[in-house]
């Protein structure tokens, strides 16, 4: 397999080389020669890519194969960034954290009332493994959470702590409070520094 990957690289078939060597690197993550040839192939693909997004992906893959996963120097979704998101984007951000398999059979309906945005209300629902939201109240929410945006961001992204926020008077909860615990079990708090091409 190594010889075939090397041959594909030498013939300039970089895409095929990365595919062959990918299987070898996953079977034996310590196989330095396979990782180096695969990194060279990704590097060539990166230098030949016209689009900057693909160039970045290929060159990042090459660097990961040579140096391992390098943690990001800064957080792109820090607390200030999340708080500054428009409300519709905030729900999109929450949807990215939904674990689809766990949420496949969930049926949650929660209204979020933003008291510092003119009492603007958004209906959020999870059904068939997907989180959706739209402006306006729903007809039959299981729970309504009201408060300023900063507190609602915490309740939405870290619903397990919403009860504490309610006790502290930062938000009010009207309805079935157990819905928040169910929501907490459906959200993932993933590490953004994940490997792209190594196991």
C-alpha atoms as a PDB file:
ATOM      1  CA  UNK A   1       0.000   0.000   0.000  1.00  0.00           C
ATOM      2  CA  UNK A   2       2.885   2.364   0.787  1.00  0.00           C
ATOM      3  CA  UNK A   3       4.487   1.608  -2.572  1.00  0.00           C
ATOM      4  CA  UNK A   4       1.209   2.286  -4.380  1.00  0.00           C
ATOM      5  CA  UNK A   5       0.781   5.584  -2.540  1.00  0.00           C
ATOM      6  CA  UNK A   6       4.363   6.598  -3.320  1.00  0.00           C
ATOM      7  CA  UNK A   7       3.871   5.661  -6.987  1.00  0.00           C
ATOM      8  CA  UNK A   8       0.671   7.733  -7.206  1.00  0.00           C
ATOM      9  CA  UNK A   9       2.512  10.686  -5.650  1.00  0.00           C
ATOM     10  CA  UNK A  10       5.463  10.386  -8.035  1.00  0.00           C
ATOM     11  CA  UNK A  11       3.059  10.221 -11.002  1.00  0.00           C
ATOM     12  CA  UNK A  12       1.412  13.437  -9.828  1.00  0.00           C
ATOM     13  CA  UNK A  13      -1.881  11.792  -8.888  1.00  0.00           C
ATOM     14  CA  UNK A  14      -1.955  13.523  -5.500  1.00  0.00           C
ATOM     15  CA  UNK A  15      -5.608  12.934  -4.827  1.00  0.00           C
ATOM     16  CA  UNK A  16      -5.236   9.166  -5.267  1.00  0.00           C
ATOM     17  CA  UNK A  17      -2.052   9.198  -3.181  1.00  0.00           C
ATOM     18  CA  UNK A  18      -3.827  10.876  -0.255  1.00  0.00           C
ATOM     19  CA  UNK A  19      -6.689   8.398  -0.470  1.00  0.00           C
ATOM     20  CA  UNK A  20      -4.424   5.335  -0.457  1.00  0.00           C
ATOM     21  CA  UNK A  21      -2.205   6.693   2.308  1.00  0.00           C
ATOM     22  CA  UNK A  22      -5.208   7.774   4.393  1.00  0.00           C
ATOM     23  CA  UNK A  23      -6.110   4.119   4.918  1.00  0.00           C
ATOM     24  CA  UNK A  24      -2.518   3.299   5.855  1.00  0.00           C
ATOM     25  CA  UNK A  25      -2.194   6.208   8.300  1.00  0.00           C
ATOM     26  CA  UNK A  26      -5.462   5.254  10.013  1.00  0.00           C
ATOM     27  CA  UNK A  27      -4.352   1.622  10.264  1.00  0.00           C
ATOM     28  CA  UNK A  28      -0.962   2.635  11.671  1.00  0.00           C
ATOM     29  CA  UNK A  29      -0.878   6.254  12.979  1.00  0.00           C
ATOM     30  CA  UNK A  30       2.838   5.911  13.757  1.00  0.00           C
ATOM     31  CA  UNK A  31       3.810   5.139  10.143  1.00  0.00           C
ATOM     32  CA  UNK A  32       6.011   8.189   9.596  1.00  0.00           C
ATOM     33  CA  UNK A  33       6.883   7.519   5.970  1.00  0.00           C
ATOM     34  CA  UNK A  34       3.215   7.186   4.965  1.00  0.00           C
ATOM     35  CA  UNK A  35       2.365  10.385   6.857  1.00  0.00           C
ATOM     36  CA  UNK A  36       5.202  12.295   5.182  1.00  0.00           C
ATOM     37  CA  UNK A  37       4.225  11.216   1.657  1.00  0.00           C
ATOM     38  CA  UNK A  38       0.574  11.980   2.371  1.00  0.00           C
ATOM     39  CA  UNK A  39       1.591  15.396   3.748  1.00  0.00           C
ATOM     40  CA  UNK A  40       3.622  16.068   0.583  1.00  0.00           C
ATOM     41  CA  UNK A  41       0.597  15.133  -1.540  1.00  0.00           C
ATOM     42  CA  UNK A  42      -1.719  17.424   0.451  1.00  0.00           C
ATOM     43  CA  UNK A  43       0.849  20.189   0.165  1.00  0.00           C
ATOM     44  CA  UNK A  44       0.944  19.834  -3.620  1.00  0.00           C
ATOM     45  CA  UNK A  45      -2.856  19.894  -3.737  1.00  0.00           C
ATOM     46  CA  UNK A  46      -2.824  23.016  -1.574  1.00  0.00           C
ATOM     47  CA  UNK A  47      -0.364  24.845  -3.817  1.00  0.00           C
ATOM     48  CA  UNK A  48      -2.437  23.944  -6.886  1.00  0.00           C
ATOM     49  CA  UNK A  49      -5.835  24.837  -5.412  1.00  0.00           C
ATOM     50  CA  UNK A  50      -7.416  27.985  -6.813  1.00  0.00           C
ATOM     51  CA  UNK A  51      -9.868  28.518  -3.981  1.00  0.00           C
ATOM     52  CA  UNK A  52      -8.406  29.824  -0.725  1.00  0.00           C
ATOM     53  CA  UNK A  53     -10.679  27.620   1.396  1.00  0.00           C
ATOM     54  CA  UNK A  54      -9.379  24.422  -0.248  1.00  0.00           C
ATOM     55  CA  UNK A  55      -5.802  25.683  -0.107  1.00  0.00           C
ATOM     56  CA  UNK A  56      -6.216  26.227   3.616  1.00  0.00           C
ATOM     57  CA  UNK A  57      -7.765  22.791   4.161  1.00  0.00           C
ATOM     58  CA  UNK A  58      -5.043  20.943   2.232  1.00  0.00           C
ATOM     59  CA  UNK A  59      -2.168  22.860   3.824  1.00  0.00           C
ATOM     60  CA  UNK A  60      -3.670  22.420   7.299  1.00  0.00           C
ATOM     61  CA  UNK A  61      -3.939  18.667   6.627  1.00  0.00           C
ATOM     62  CA  UNK A  62      -0.276  18.567   5.583  1.00  0.00           C
ATOM     63  CA  UNK A  63       0.772  20.419   8.726  1.00  0.00           C
ATOM     64  CA  UNK A  64      -1.309  18.115  10.930  1.00  0.00           C
ATOM     65  CA  UNK A  65       0.363  15.043   9.430  1.00  0.00           C
ATOM     66  CA  UNK A  66       3.809  16.511  10.133  1.00  0.00           C
ATOM     67  CA  UNK A  67       3.251  18.269  13.476  1.00  0.00           C
ATOM     68  CA  UNK A  68       0.002  16.899  14.928  1.00  0.00           C
ATOM     69  CA  UNK A  69      -3.077  18.945  15.839  1.00  0.00           C
ATOM     70  CA  UNK A  70      -2.079  22.473  16.770  1.00  0.00           C
ATOM     71  CA  UNK A  71      -4.601  24.237  19.044  1.00  0.00           C
ATOM     72  CA  UNK A  72      -6.091  27.451  17.687  1.00  0.00           C
ATOM     73  CA  UNK A  73      -4.377  30.590  18.923  1.00  0.00           C
ATOM     74  CA  UNK A  74      -7.736  32.231  19.650  1.00  0.00           C
ATOM     75  CA  UNK A  75     -11.366  31.256  20.170  1.00  0.00           C
ATOM     76  CA  UNK A  76     -13.662  32.282  17.334  1.00  0.00           C
ATOM     77  CA  UNK A  77     -16.760  31.712  19.442  1.00  0.00           C
ATOM     78  CA  UNK A  78     -15.819  33.412  22.683  1.00  0.00           C
ATOM     79  CA  UNK A  79     -18.494  34.768  25.042  1.00  0.00           C
ATOM     80  CA  UNK A  80     -18.400  38.271  23.527  1.00  0.00           C
ATOM     81  CA  UNK A  81     -18.773  36.907  19.989  1.00  0.00           C
ATOM     82  CA  UNK A  82     -21.703  34.692  20.939  1.00  0.00           C
ATOM     83  CA  UNK A  83     -23.438  37.522  22.787  1.00  0.00           C
ATOM     84  CA  UNK A  84     -23.007  39.837  19.776  1.00  0.00           C
ATOM     85  CA  UNK A  85     -24.662  37.347  17.392  1.00  0.00           C
ATOM     86  CA  UNK A  86     -28.024  38.378  15.970  1.00  0.00           C
ATOM     87  CA  UNK A  87     -30.778  36.246  17.483  1.00  0.00           C
ATOM     88  CA  UNK A  88     -31.338  34.162  14.345  1.00  0.00           C
ATOM     89  CA  UNK A  89     -27.624  33.334  14.120  1.00  0.00           C
ATOM     90  CA  UNK A  90     -27.621  32.496  17.830  1.00  0.00           C
ATOM     91  CA  UNK A  91     -30.153  29.731  17.208  1.00  0.00           C
ATOM     92  CA  UNK A  92     -28.112  28.519  14.215  1.00  0.00           C
ATOM     93  CA  UNK A  93     -25.093  28.371  16.521  1.00  0.00           C
ATOM     94  CA  UNK A  94     -27.093  26.303  19.024  1.00  0.00           C
ATOM     95  CA  UNK A  95     -28.240  23.990  16.209  1.00  0.00           C
ATOM     96  CA  UNK A  96     -24.617  23.145  15.385  1.00  0.00           C
ATOM     97  CA  UNK A  97     -24.271  21.731  18.902  1.00  0.00           C
ATOM     98  CA  UNK A  98     -27.316  19.458  18.603  1.00  0.00           C
ATOM     99  CA  UNK A  99     -26.477  15.738  18.573  1.00  0.00           C
ATOM    100  CA  UNK A 100     -28.750  14.548  15.771  1.00  0.00           C
ATOM    101  CA  UNK A 101     -28.839  10.879  16.821  1.00  0.00           C
ATOM    102  CA  UNK A 102     -29.845  11.727  20.377  1.00  0.00           C
ATOM    103  CA  UNK A 103     -32.407  14.266  19.201  1.00  0.00           C
ATOM    104  CA  UNK A 104     -33.970  11.996  16.554  1.00  0.00           C
ATOM    105  CA  UNK A 105     -37.008  11.194  18.707  1.00  0.00           C
ATOM    106  CA  UNK A 106     -37.131  14.438  20.695  1.00  0.00           C
ATOM    107  CA  UNK A 107     -40.112  16.754  20.471  1.00  0.00           C
ATOM    108  CA  UNK A 108     -39.301  19.979  22.329  1.00  0.00           C
ATOM    109  CA  UNK A 109     -40.958  23.375  21.958  1.00  0.00           C
ATOM    110  CA  UNK A 110     -39.492  26.287  23.891  1.00  0.00           C
ATOM    111  CA  UNK A 111     -40.252  29.997  23.547  1.00  0.00           C
ATOM    112  CA  UNK A 112     -37.464  32.466  24.334  1.00  0.00           C
ATOM    113  CA  UNK A 113     -38.608  35.992  25.238  1.00  0.00           C
ATOM    114  CA  UNK A 114     -35.808  38.568  24.997  1.00  0.00           C
ATOM    115  CA  UNK A 115     -36.859  41.227  27.520  1.00  0.00           C
ATOM    116  CA  UNK A 116     -34.087  43.646  26.538  1.00  0.00           C
ATOM    117  CA  UNK A 117     -35.065  43.465  22.840  1.00  0.00           C
ATOM    118  CA  UNK A 118     -38.591  44.832  23.147  1.00  0.00           C
ATOM    119  CA  UNK A 119     -39.920  41.537  24.531  1.00  0.00           C
ATOM    120  CA  UNK A 120     -39.112  39.914  21.173  1.00  0.00           C
ATOM    121  CA  UNK A 121     -40.128  36.252  21.330  1.00  0.00           C
ATOM    122  CA  UNK A 122     -38.629  33.401  19.331  1.00  0.00           C
ATOM    123  CA  UNK A 123     -40.106  29.927  19.083  1.00  0.00           C
ATOM    124  CA  UNK A 124     -37.541  27.129  19.083  1.00  0.00           C
ATOM    125  CA  UNK A 125     -38.391  23.516  18.440  1.00  0.00           C
ATOM    126  CA  UNK A 126     -36.481  20.285  18.076  1.00  0.00           C
ATOM    127  CA  UNK A 127     -38.052  17.553  16.018  1.00  0.00           C
ATOM    128  CA  UNK A 128     -36.572  14.681  13.972  1.00  0.00           C
ATOM    129  CA  UNK A 129     -33.051  15.545  15.114  1.00  0.00           C
ATOM    130  CA  UNK A 130     -33.130  19.163  13.914  1.00  0.00           C
ATOM    131  CA  UNK A 131     -33.247  22.436  15.871  1.00  0.00           C
ATOM    132  CA  UNK A 132     -35.348  25.160  14.224  1.00  0.00           C
ATOM    133  CA  UNK A 133     -36.303  28.652  15.369  1.00  0.00           C
ATOM    134  CA  UNK A 134     -38.437  31.481  14.050  1.00  0.00           C
ATOM    135  CA  UNK A 135     -39.574  34.864  15.326  1.00  0.00           C
ATOM    136  CA  UNK A 136     -42.877  34.866  17.172  1.00  0.00           C
ATOM    137  CA  UNK A 137     -44.386  32.789  19.933  1.00  0.00           C
ATOM    138  CA  UNK A 138     -45.506  29.218  19.347  1.00  0.00           C
ATOM    139  CA  UNK A 139     -49.069  28.119  20.021  1.00  0.00           C
ATOM    140  CA  UNK A 140     -48.209  25.374  22.502  1.00  0.00           C
ATOM    141  CA  UNK A 141     -44.725  25.764  24.009  1.00  0.00           C
ATOM    142  CA  UNK A 142     -43.707  23.299  26.686  1.00  0.00           C
ATOM    143  CA  UNK A 143     -41.704  26.070  28.352  1.00  0.00           C
ATOM    144  CA  UNK A 144     -41.260  29.825  28.032  1.00  0.00           C
ATOM    145  CA  UNK A 145     -37.925  31.283  29.113  1.00  0.00           C
ATOM    146  CA  UNK A 146     -37.825  35.071  29.568  1.00  0.00           C
ATOM    147  CA  UNK A 147     -34.932  37.363  30.361  1.00  0.00           C
ATOM    148  CA  UNK A 148     -32.229  39.582  28.882  1.00  0.00           C
ATOM    149  CA  UNK A 149     -30.248  38.246  25.928  1.00  0.00           C
ATOM    150  CA  UNK A 150     -27.087  37.531  27.965  1.00  0.00           C
ATOM    151  CA  UNK A 151     -29.006  35.256  30.321  1.00  0.00           C
ATOM    152  CA  UNK A 152     -30.980  33.606  27.510  1.00  0.00           C
ATOM    153  CA  UNK A 153     -27.739  32.814  25.677  1.00  0.00           C
ATOM    154  CA  UNK A 154     -26.625  30.906  28.783  1.00  0.00           C
ATOM    155  CA  UNK A 155     -29.983  29.153  29.076  1.00  0.00           C
ATOM    156  CA  UNK A 156     -29.915  28.162  25.404  1.00  0.00           C
ATOM    157  CA  UNK A 157     -26.311  26.964  25.165  1.00  0.00           C
ATOM    158  CA  UNK A 158     -25.936  25.629  28.732  1.00  0.00           C
ATOM    159  CA  UNK A 159     -29.501  24.628  29.621  1.00  0.00           C
ATOM    160  CA  UNK A 160     -28.395  22.533  32.594  1.00  0.00           C
ATOM    161  CA  UNK A 161     -27.553  25.806  34.404  1.00  0.00           C
ATOM    162  CA  UNK A 162     -30.859  27.522  33.602  1.00  0.00           C
ATOM    163  CA  UNK A 163     -32.432  26.517  36.902  1.00  0.00           C
ATOM    164  CA  UNK A 164     -29.656  28.371  38.737  1.00  0.00           C
ATOM    165  CA  UNK A 165     -30.240  31.425  36.545  1.00  0.00           C
ATOM    166  CA  UNK A 166     -33.938  31.296  37.465  1.00  0.00           C
ATOM    167  CA  UNK A 167     -33.128  31.003  41.180  1.00  0.00           C
ATOM    168  CA  UNK A 168     -30.840  34.030  40.859  1.00  0.00           C
ATOM    169  CA  UNK A 169     -33.693  35.984  39.235  1.00  0.00           C
ATOM    170  CA  UNK A 170     -31.883  36.413  35.899  1.00  0.00           C
ATOM    171  CA  UNK A 171     -34.521  34.538  33.896  1.00  0.00           C
ATOM    172  CA  UNK A 172     -38.078  33.380  34.469  1.00  0.00           C
ATOM    173  CA  UNK A 173     -39.344  29.918  33.551  1.00  0.00           C
ATOM    174  CA  UNK A 174     -43.008  29.300  32.785  1.00  0.00           C
ATOM    175  CA  UNK A 175     -43.957  25.705  32.050  1.00  0.00           C
ATOM    176  CA  UNK A 176     -42.248  22.320  32.257  1.00  0.00           C
ATOM    177  CA  UNK A 177     -38.759  23.022  33.612  1.00  0.00           C
ATOM    178  CA  UNK A 178     -37.601  19.450  32.901  1.00  0.00           C
ATOM    179  CA  UNK A 179     -37.517  20.369  29.204  1.00  0.00           C
ATOM    180  CA  UNK A 180     -34.244  22.186  29.895  1.00  0.00           C
ATOM    181  CA  UNK A 181     -32.637  19.019  31.276  1.00  0.00           C
ATOM    182  CA  UNK A 182     -33.812  17.147  28.188  1.00  0.00           C
ATOM    183  CA  UNK A 183     -32.320  19.874  25.991  1.00  0.00           C
ATOM    184  CA  UNK A 184     -29.039  19.714  27.928  1.00  0.00           C
ATOM    185  CA  UNK A 185     -28.792  15.999  27.116  1.00  0.00           C
ATOM    186  CA  UNK A 186     -29.128  16.718  23.397  1.00  0.00           C
ATOM    187  CA  UNK A 187     -26.343  19.309  23.095  1.00  0.00           C
ATOM    188  CA  UNK A 188     -22.676  18.624  22.530  1.00  0.00           C
ATOM    189  CA  UNK A 189     -19.835  20.760  23.845  1.00  0.00           C
ATOM    190  CA  UNK A 190     -17.193  19.787  21.304  1.00  0.00           C
ATOM    191  CA  UNK A 191     -13.525  20.666  21.093  1.00  0.00           C
ATOM    192  CA  UNK A 192     -12.846  22.839  18.013  1.00  0.00           C
ATOM    193  CA  UNK A 193      -9.257  21.537  17.851  1.00  0.00           C
ATOM    194  CA  UNK A 194     -10.122  18.177  16.288  1.00  0.00           C
ATOM    195  CA  UNK A 195      -7.959  16.178  13.869  1.00  0.00           C
ATOM    196  CA  UNK A 196      -8.767  16.546  10.168  1.00  0.00           C
ATOM    197  CA  UNK A 197      -6.798  13.675   8.648  1.00  0.00           C
ATOM    198  CA  UNK A 198      -5.396  11.634  11.517  1.00  0.00           C
ATOM    199  CA  UNK A 199      -7.173   9.252  13.895  1.00  0.00           C
END
